[in-house]
Amino acid sequence: MKEKFKVEFLEEVLDFLDVIEKKARDKILFTIDRAKIKNDTALFKKLNSDIWEFRTLFNKKQYRLFAFGTKVIIG
């Protein structure tokens, strides 16, 4: 399947992903990859005209990463 958008991570997000547990990180990255090919507002939704949100629930904890722009820069 063709990806709908490209993702570019800010350094701070990469630092955050490095310090959380591996299983949580893997699920977050899986969620982002899945959102690139599937429309699912539970995974990726528009909050306003400029801000999008990736949501991942893992081990009863909600992880939220925000995206901006047409390239989807996560910060």
C-alpha atoms as a PDB file:
ATOM      1  CA  MET A   1       0.000   0.000   0.000  1.00  0.00           C
ATOM      2  CA  LYS A   2       1.076   3.535  -0.681  1.00  0.00           C
ATOM      3  CA  GLU A   3       1.846   5.828   2.250  1.00  0.00           C
ATOM      4  CA  LYS A   4      -0.300   8.969   2.498  1.00  0.00           C
ATOM      5  CA  PHE A   5       2.424  11.042   4.137  1.00  0.00           C
ATOM      6  CA  LYS A   6       6.051  10.977   5.242  1.00  0.00           C
ATOM      7  CA  VAL A   7       7.107  11.339   8.856  1.00  0.00           C
ATOM      8  CA  GLU A   8      10.065  13.291  10.178  1.00  0.00           C
ATOM      9  CA  PHE A   9      10.876  13.125  13.900  1.00  0.00           C
ATOM     10  CA  LEU A  10      12.241  16.046  15.881  1.00  0.00           C
ATOM     11  CA  GLU A  11      15.304  15.280  18.002  1.00  0.00           C
ATOM     12  CA  GLU A  12      13.263  15.651  21.213  1.00  0.00           C
ATOM     13  CA  VAL A  13      10.863  12.935  20.097  1.00  0.00           C
ATOM     14  CA  LEU A  14      13.725  10.568  19.308  1.00  0.00           C
ATOM     15  CA  ASP A  15      15.128  11.281  22.784  1.00  0.00           C
ATOM     16  CA  PHE A  16      11.716  10.541  24.315  1.00  0.00           C
ATOM     17  CA  LEU A  17      11.384   7.290  22.370  1.00  0.00           C
ATOM     18  CA  ASP A  18      14.849   6.246  23.588  1.00  0.00           C
ATOM     19  CA  VAL A  19      13.887   6.494  27.269  1.00  0.00           C
ATOM     20  CA  ILE A  20      10.523   4.706  27.274  1.00  0.00           C
ATOM     21  CA  GLU A  21      10.290   0.934  27.428  1.00  0.00           C
ATOM     22  CA  LYS A  22      10.915  -0.945  24.195  1.00  0.00           C
ATOM     23  CA  LYS A  23       7.423  -2.443  23.895  1.00  0.00           C
ATOM     24  CA  ALA A  24       5.810   0.997  24.249  1.00  0.00           C
ATOM     25  CA  ARG A  25       8.207   2.462  21.673  1.00  0.00           C
ATOM     26  CA  ASP A  26       7.505  -0.392  19.251  1.00  0.00           C
ATOM     27  CA  LYS A  27       3.756   0.102  19.577  1.00  0.00           C
ATOM     28  CA  ILE A  28       4.038   3.872  19.043  1.00  0.00           C
ATOM     29  CA  LEU A  29       6.093   3.343  15.885  1.00  0.00           C
ATOM     30  CA  PHE A  30       3.644   0.664  14.713  1.00  0.00           C
ATOM     31  CA  THR A  31       0.752   3.092  15.248  1.00  0.00           C
ATOM     32  CA  ILE A  32       2.503   5.776  13.213  1.00  0.00           C
ATOM     33  CA  ASP A  33       3.292   3.332  10.401  1.00  0.00           C
ATOM     34  CA  ARG A  34      -0.288   2.080  10.368  1.00  0.00           C
ATOM     35  CA  ALA A  35      -1.696   5.629  10.278  1.00  0.00           C
ATOM     36  CA  LYS A  36       0.388   6.288   7.152  1.00  0.00           C
ATOM     37  CA  ILE A  37      -1.680   3.770   5.181  1.00  0.00           C
ATOM     38  CA  LYS A  38      -5.043   3.589   6.979  1.00  0.00           C
ATOM     39  CA  ASN A  39      -7.580   6.269   7.901  1.00  0.00           C
ATOM     40  CA  ASP A  40      -8.333   5.668  11.563  1.00  0.00           C
ATOM     41  CA  THR A  41      -9.137   8.619  13.828  1.00  0.00           C
ATOM     42  CA  ALA A  42      -8.371   6.476  16.870  1.00  0.00           C
ATOM     43  CA  LEU A  43      -4.736   6.432  15.682  1.00  0.00           C
ATOM     44  CA  PHE A  44      -4.292   9.780  13.951  1.00  0.00           C
ATOM     45  CA  LYS A  45      -6.679  12.701  13.967  1.00  0.00           C
ATOM     46  CA  LYS A  46      -6.767  16.377  13.139  1.00  0.00           C
ATOM     47  CA  LEU A  47      -7.055  18.642  16.177  1.00  0.00           C
ATOM     48  CA  ASN A  48      -7.179  21.927  14.260  1.00  0.00           C
ATOM     49  CA  SER A  49      -6.043  23.283  10.903  1.00  0.00           C
ATOM     50  CA  ASP A  50      -2.337  22.937  11.773  1.00  0.00           C
ATOM     51  CA  ILE A  51      -2.051  20.215  14.409  1.00  0.00           C
ATOM     52  CA  TRP A  52      -2.565  16.465  14.145  1.00  0.00           C
ATOM     53  CA  GLU A  53      -2.255  13.894  16.921  1.00  0.00           C
ATOM     54  CA  PHE A  54      -0.988  10.318  16.986  1.00  0.00           C
ATOM     55  CA  ARG A  55      -2.465   8.334  19.887  1.00  0.00           C
ATOM     56  CA  THR A  56      -1.196   5.044  21.233  1.00  0.00           C
ATOM     57  CA  LEU A  57      -2.586   3.174  24.208  1.00  0.00           C
ATOM     58  CA  PHE A  58      -0.094   0.805  25.792  1.00  0.00           C
ATOM     59  CA  ASN A  59      -0.283  -0.874  29.182  1.00  0.00           C
ATOM     60  CA  LYS A  60      -3.094   1.471  30.340  1.00  0.00           C
ATOM     61  CA  LYS A  61      -0.998   4.525  29.433  1.00  0.00           C
ATOM     62  CA  GLN A  62      -1.962   6.934  26.634  1.00  0.00           C
ATOM     63  CA  TYR A  63       0.932   8.259  24.534  1.00  0.00           C
ATOM     64  CA  ARG A  64       0.230  11.334  22.417  1.00  0.00           C
ATOM     65  CA  LEU A  65       2.598  12.735  19.804  1.00  0.00           C
ATOM     66  CA  PHE A  66       1.691  15.857  17.891  1.00  0.00           C
ATOM     67  CA  ALA A  67       2.354  16.392  14.209  1.00  0.00           C
ATOM     68  CA  PHE A  68       2.621  19.602  12.203  1.00  0.00           C
ATOM     69  CA  GLY A  69       2.802  20.389   8.498  1.00  0.00           C
ATOM     70  CA  THR A  70       2.478  18.450   5.298  1.00  0.00           C
ATOM     71  CA  LYS A  71       5.515  16.248   5.993  1.00  0.00           C
ATOM     72  CA  VAL A  72       4.165  15.380   9.441  1.00  0.00           C
ATOM     73  CA  ILE A  73       6.906  16.528  11.743  1.00  0.00           C
ATOM     74  CA  ILE A  74       6.370  14.980  15.120  1.00  0.00           C
ATOM     75  CA  GLY A  75       7.208  17.072  18.128  1.00  0.00           C
END
